[in-house]
């Protein structure tokens, strides 16, 4: 019996080695292109962290995975072929998003083919988490970024007026007495929303909460990102009215972005603490 199990284990290792080699050979140019996007696209600079967080998620549930009986499923081979087909079609059409999302399809196929449905189900959230590393197509990103920056501009103008500073708005252009500011795409809040959703998803997976609390923790990133972005615009407008447009440019602008993001992270940790307190 032990000899049979050893032989079966060796076969699985050989299959895994062949599939990983096939995966790396097939996806090297796709992964290299995605890493380049992380480098040049500030909206997805968090992409470097996502594979490591996924690895930690899997390591965190390693004991539960080891307790699952391995039951290879040949449907996984079809899923691998479907992912490869998606890659080929997307490659011919130069559609990068579909090329990159096919990575997740093939990883699901490998898990199903080698370990079975129960094992794959347990891995589903860590594997789906990889979607946060894949840049959204610009045409979709802009459809969300534009209304978000209009909304943030609208709220910021009302807050600034409420504190006694005269300010007028034309779309995403803010007119102060001494200067004019433009709310660019980077200030729409979509960048911080994407990063905070990635963090809140990881938190929700790792904490020992009930399902509804996990959803509350995950979705809390949305109002937090909106609030912190409006706060950033309000402070920037208030400072620009006093010190000029220089405070809205260069180092101060970038530093305020990091500062506001850290505030959002602190608020996310605060939501986690409140939910933990409610649990106790």
Protein backbone atom coordinates (compact mmCIF):
# COMPACT_ATOMS: atom_id res chain seq x y z
CA UNK A 1 0.00 0.00 0.00
CA UNK A 2 2.81 2.39 0.94
CA UNK A 3 4.60 1.61 -2.35
CA UNK A 4 1.42 2.45 -4.30
CA UNK A 5 1.00 5.76 -2.44
CA UNK A 6 4.65 6.66 -3.05
CA UNK A 7 4.31 5.87 -6.75
CA UNK A 8 1.10 7.93 -6.96
CA UNK A 9 2.81 10.84 -5.20
CA UNK A 10 5.75 10.67 -7.61
CA UNK A 11 3.38 10.75 -10.58
CA UNK A 12 1.67 13.86 -9.15
CA UNK A 13 5.04 15.56 -8.67
CA UNK A 14 6.05 14.76 -12.26
CA UNK A 15 2.73 16.11 -13.56
CA UNK A 16 3.11 19.23 -11.42
CA UNK A 17 6.63 19.80 -12.72
CA UNK A 18 5.52 19.44 -16.34
CA UNK A 19 2.51 21.74 -15.86
CA UNK A 20 4.57 24.42 -14.07
CA UNK A 21 7.21 24.28 -16.84
CA UNK A 22 4.46 24.59 -19.46
CA UNK A 23 2.90 27.48 -17.53
CA UNK A 24 6.18 29.44 -17.22
CA UNK A 25 7.07 28.88 -20.87
CA UNK A 26 3.63 29.97 -22.02
CA UNK A 27 3.21 32.97 -19.74
CA UNK A 28 6.69 34.47 -19.48
CA UNK A 29 5.98 37.31 -21.97
CA UNK A 30 2.54 37.94 -20.43
CA UNK A 31 3.92 38.18 -16.89
CA UNK A 32 6.87 40.33 -18.05
CA UNK A 33 4.45 42.76 -19.73
CA UNK A 34 2.28 42.91 -16.61
CA UNK A 35 5.30 43.67 -14.40
CA UNK A 36 6.21 46.50 -16.78
CA UNK A 37 2.71 47.92 -16.36
CA UNK A 38 3.10 47.80 -12.57
CA UNK A 39 6.26 49.86 -12.98
CA UNK A 40 4.87 52.57 -15.26
CA UNK A 41 1.22 52.64 -14.16
CA UNK A 42 0.94 54.16 -10.69
CA UNK A 43 -2.65 52.94 -10.44
CA UNK A 44 -1.30 49.38 -10.19
CA UNK A 45 1.98 49.83 -8.33
CA UNK A 46 0.48 47.54 -5.66
CA UNK A 47 0.58 44.70 -8.21
CA UNK A 48 4.03 43.63 -6.99
CA UNK A 49 2.54 42.66 -3.61
CA UNK A 50 -0.44 40.62 -4.80
CA UNK A 51 1.39 37.35 -5.67
CA UNK A 52 3.16 37.42 -2.28
CA UNK A 53 -0.13 38.06 -0.44
CA UNK A 54 -1.69 35.17 -2.36
CA UNK A 55 1.24 32.99 -1.33
CA UNK A 56 0.73 33.98 2.30
CA UNK A 57 -3.00 33.22 2.05
CA UNK A 58 -2.20 29.71 0.82
CA UNK A 59 0.46 29.23 3.50
CA UNK A 60 -2.07 30.38 6.12
CA UNK A 61 -4.47 27.54 5.20
CA UNK A 62 -1.77 24.92 4.58
CA UNK A 63 -2.96 22.68 7.43
CA UNK A 64 -6.51 22.60 6.08
CA UNK A 65 -5.19 21.83 2.59
CA UNK A 66 -3.12 18.92 3.90
CA UNK A 67 -6.22 17.41 5.51
CA UNK A 68 -8.08 17.29 2.18
CA UNK A 69 -7.98 13.98 0.35
CA UNK A 70 -6.28 14.38 -3.03
CA UNK A 71 -8.61 13.28 -5.80
CA UNK A 72 -7.39 14.31 -9.29
CA UNK A 73 -10.13 15.41 -11.65
CA UNK A 74 -9.72 15.21 -15.42
CA UNK A 75 -12.08 18.16 -15.88
CA UNK A 76 -9.08 20.24 -14.83
CA UNK A 77 -7.38 19.34 -18.11
CA UNK A 78 -10.32 20.88 -20.01
CA UNK A 79 -10.05 23.99 -17.86
CA UNK A 80 -6.33 24.20 -18.67
CA UNK A 81 -7.12 23.91 -22.38
CA UNK A 82 -9.84 26.58 -22.03
CA UNK A 83 -7.36 28.94 -20.37
CA UNK A 84 -4.79 28.26 -23.09
CA UNK A 85 -7.46 28.91 -25.72
CA UNK A 86 -8.38 32.20 -24.05
CA UNK A 87 -4.71 33.18 -24.08
CA UNK A 88 -4.32 32.39 -27.79
CA UNK A 89 -7.48 34.28 -28.80
CA UNK A 90 -6.49 37.27 -26.64
CA UNK A 91 -2.95 37.15 -28.03
CA UNK A 92 -4.23 37.28 -31.62
CA UNK A 93 -6.50 40.20 -30.70
CA UNK A 94 -3.81 41.96 -28.60
CA UNK A 95 -6.21 42.03 -25.66
CA UNK A 96 -3.97 42.18 -22.59
CA UNK A 97 -6.66 41.89 -19.94
CA UNK A 98 -7.91 38.55 -21.30
CA UNK A 99 -4.34 37.30 -21.69
CA UNK A 100 -3.64 38.01 -18.04
CA UNK A 101 -6.90 36.74 -16.61
CA UNK A 102 -6.29 33.43 -18.40
CA UNK A 103 -3.50 32.92 -15.82
CA UNK A 104 -6.17 32.47 -13.15
CA UNK A 105 -8.19 30.08 -15.35
CA UNK A 106 -5.14 27.85 -15.91
CA UNK A 107 -4.16 27.89 -12.22
CA UNK A 108 -7.67 26.70 -11.35
CA UNK A 109 -7.32 24.01 -13.99
CA UNK A 110 -3.97 22.83 -12.61
CA UNK A 111 -5.36 22.64 -9.06
CA UNK A 112 -8.45 20.73 -10.21
CA UNK A 113 -6.49 18.34 -12.43
CA UNK A 114 -3.90 17.45 -9.77
CA UNK A 115 -5.84 17.68 -6.50
CA UNK A 116 -9.57 17.61 -7.17
CA UNK A 117 -12.61 19.77 -6.52
CA UNK A 118 -12.41 20.03 -2.70
CA UNK A 119 -8.80 21.16 -2.82
CA UNK A 120 -9.56 23.65 -5.59
CA UNK A 121 -12.54 25.05 -3.71
CA UNK A 122 -10.33 25.69 -0.69
CA UNK A 123 -7.83 27.51 -2.94
CA UNK A 124 -10.48 29.51 -4.79
CA UNK A 125 -10.25 32.78 -2.82
CA UNK A 126 -6.42 33.00 -2.91
CA UNK A 127 -6.45 32.28 -6.64
CA UNK A 128 -9.26 34.76 -7.35
CA UNK A 129 -7.34 37.33 -5.28
CA UNK A 130 -4.81 37.46 -8.14
CA UNK A 131 -7.35 39.56 -10.08
CA UNK A 132 -6.12 42.57 -8.09
CA UNK A 133 -2.73 42.40 -9.83
CA UNK A 134 -4.24 42.66 -13.33
CA UNK A 135 -4.65 46.23 -14.66
CA UNK A 136 -8.19 47.06 -15.74
CA UNK A 137 -8.48 48.16 -19.41
CA UNK A 138 -8.21 51.95 -19.73
CA UNK A 139 -11.63 52.23 -21.38
CA UNK A 140 -13.26 50.67 -18.29
CA UNK A 141 -11.01 52.50 -15.81
CA UNK A 142 -11.91 55.89 -17.30
CA UNK A 143 -15.64 55.15 -17.19
CA UNK A 144 -15.33 54.89 -13.40
CA UNK A 145 -12.59 57.50 -12.86
CA UNK A 146 -14.45 60.39 -14.55
CA UNK A 147 -17.71 60.26 -12.53
CA UNK A 148 -15.71 59.62 -9.35
CA UNK A 149 -13.60 62.75 -9.80
CA UNK A 150 -16.75 64.78 -10.55
CA UNK A 151 -18.36 63.46 -7.39
CA UNK A 152 -15.23 64.14 -5.30
CA UNK A 153 -15.01 67.67 -6.75
CA UNK A 154 -18.69 68.32 -5.95
CA UNK A 155 -18.35 67.24 -2.31
CA UNK A 156 -15.01 69.02 -1.81
CA UNK A 157 -16.45 72.33 -3.09
CA UNK A 158 -19.33 72.17 -0.61
CA UNK A 159 -16.96 71.39 2.27
CA UNK A 160 -14.54 74.18 1.32
CA UNK A 161 -17.41 76.67 1.01
CA UNK A 162 -18.69 75.54 4.41
CA UNK A 163 -15.40 76.53 6.08
CA UNK A 164 -15.60 80.03 4.60
CA UNK A 165 -13.39 79.77 1.50
CA UNK A 166 -14.91 80.95 -1.77
CA UNK A 167 -14.63 78.34 -4.47
CA UNK A 168 -16.46 77.65 -7.73
CA UNK A 169 -16.63 74.43 -9.74
CA UNK A 170 -16.83 73.79 -13.46
CA UNK A 171 -16.88 70.03 -13.96
CA UNK A 172 -13.58 68.88 -12.46
CA UNK A 173 -12.07 72.40 -12.48
CA UNK A 174 -12.00 74.24 -9.13
CA UNK A 175 -11.72 78.04 -9.21
CA UNK A 176 -10.30 79.73 -6.13
CA UNK A 177 -9.73 83.46 -5.64
CA UNK A 178 -5.99 83.19 -6.34
CA UNK A 179 -5.63 80.05 -8.45
CA UNK A 180 -7.37 77.31 -10.41
CA UNK A 181 -7.05 73.60 -9.73
CA UNK A 182 -7.88 70.65 -11.94
CA UNK A 183 -9.00 67.39 -10.35
CA UNK A 184 -7.09 64.92 -12.52
CA UNK A 185 -7.73 61.20 -12.94
CA UNK A 186 -5.12 60.46 -10.25
CA UNK A 187 -7.30 62.39 -7.79
CA UNK A 188 -10.51 60.58 -8.64
CA UNK A 189 -10.00 58.21 -5.71
CA UNK A 190 -10.14 55.13 -7.91
CA UNK A 191 -6.47 54.38 -7.34
CA UNK A 192 -6.80 54.37 -3.56
CA UNK A 193 -10.08 52.46 -3.83
CA UNK A 194 -8.38 49.69 -5.83
CA UNK A 195 -5.49 49.44 -3.36
CA UNK A 196 -7.75 49.52 -0.30
CA UNK A 197 -10.05 46.86 -1.77
CA UNK A 198 -7.01 44.63 -2.30
CA UNK A 199 -5.97 45.15 1.33
CA UNK A 200 -9.46 44.74 2.77
CA UNK A 201 -9.92 41.52 0.77
CA UNK A 202 -6.73 40.12 2.30
CA UNK A 203 -7.82 41.21 5.78
CA UNK A 204 -11.25 39.65 5.32
CA UNK A 205 -9.72 36.33 4.25
CA UNK A 206 -7.21 36.16 7.10
CA UNK A 207 -9.35 37.24 10.07
CA UNK A 208 -11.47 34.74 11.95
CA UNK A 209 -14.84 36.46 11.47
CA UNK A 210 -18.28 35.27 10.45
CA UNK A 211 -19.12 35.64 6.77
CA UNK A 212 -21.16 38.84 7.13
CA UNK A 213 -18.38 40.51 9.11
CA UNK A 214 -15.88 39.55 6.41
CA UNK A 215 -18.11 41.23 3.84
CA UNK A 216 -18.47 44.34 6.00
CA UNK A 217 -14.69 44.55 6.40
CA UNK A 218 -14.13 44.07 2.66
CA UNK A 219 -16.77 46.59 1.52
CA UNK A 220 -15.75 49.19 4.13
CA UNK A 221 -12.88 50.04 1.77
CA UNK A 222 -15.37 51.80 -0.54
CA UNK A 223 -16.63 54.56 1.83
CA UNK A 224 -13.15 54.86 3.36
CA UNK A 225 -11.57 55.48 -0.06
CA UNK A 226 -14.25 58.03 -1.00
CA UNK A 227 -13.97 59.86 2.34
CA UNK A 228 -10.17 60.05 2.33
CA UNK A 229 -10.10 61.27 -1.28
CA UNK A 230 -12.62 64.03 -0.58
CA UNK A 231 -10.58 64.96 2.50
CA UNK A 232 -7.44 65.19 0.36
CA UNK A 233 -9.14 67.44 -2.20
CA UNK A 234 -10.59 69.64 0.52
CA UNK A 235 -7.25 70.12 2.27
CA UNK A 236 -5.46 70.73 -1.05
CA UNK A 237 -8.01 73.37 -2.08
CA UNK A 238 -7.84 75.07 1.30
CA UNK A 239 -4.03 75.17 1.23
CA UNK A 240 -3.97 76.34 -2.41
CA UNK A 241 -6.24 79.27 -1.56
CA UNK A 242 -3.70 80.41 1.03
CA UNK A 243 -0.33 79.37 -0.35
CA UNK A 244 -0.93 79.10 -4.10
CA UNK A 245 -1.10 76.23 -6.57
CA UNK A 246 2.37 74.89 -5.68
CA UNK A 247 0.88 72.87 -2.82
CA UNK A 248 -1.15 70.92 -5.40
CA UNK A 249 1.89 69.93 -7.45
CA UNK A 250 5.11 67.95 -7.20
CA UNK A 251 6.33 66.47 -3.94
CA UNK A 252 3.59 67.91 -1.74
CA UNK A 253 0.89 66.45 -3.98
CA UNK A 254 2.49 62.98 -4.02
CA UNK A 255 3.20 63.08 -0.28
CA UNK A 256 -0.39 64.01 0.51
CA UNK A 257 -1.50 61.01 -1.55
CA UNK A 258 0.62 58.63 0.54
CA UNK A 259 -0.49 60.33 3.75
CA UNK A 260 -4.17 60.01 2.88
CA UNK A 261 -3.69 56.39 1.84
CA UNK A 262 -2.10 55.64 5.22
CA UNK A 263 -5.09 57.31 6.88
CA UNK A 264 -7.36 54.99 4.88
CA UNK A 265 -5.31 52.01 6.02
CA UNK A 266 -5.61 53.11 9.65
CA UNK A 267 -9.37 53.45 9.23
CA UNK A 268 -9.52 49.97 7.71
CA UNK A 269 -7.65 48.58 10.72
CA UNK A 270 -10.11 50.50 12.90
CA UNK A 271 -13.07 48.78 11.23
CA UNK A 272 -11.35 45.46 11.85
CA UNK A 273 -10.89 46.38 15.53
CA UNK A 274 -14.56 47.38 15.87
CA UNK A 275 -15.72 44.10 14.37
CA UNK A 276 -13.35 42.20 16.67
CA UNK A 277 -14.73 44.07 19.68
CA UNK A 278 -18.28 43.21 18.61
CA UNK A 279 -17.27 39.57 18.35
CA UNK A 280 -15.94 39.53 21.92
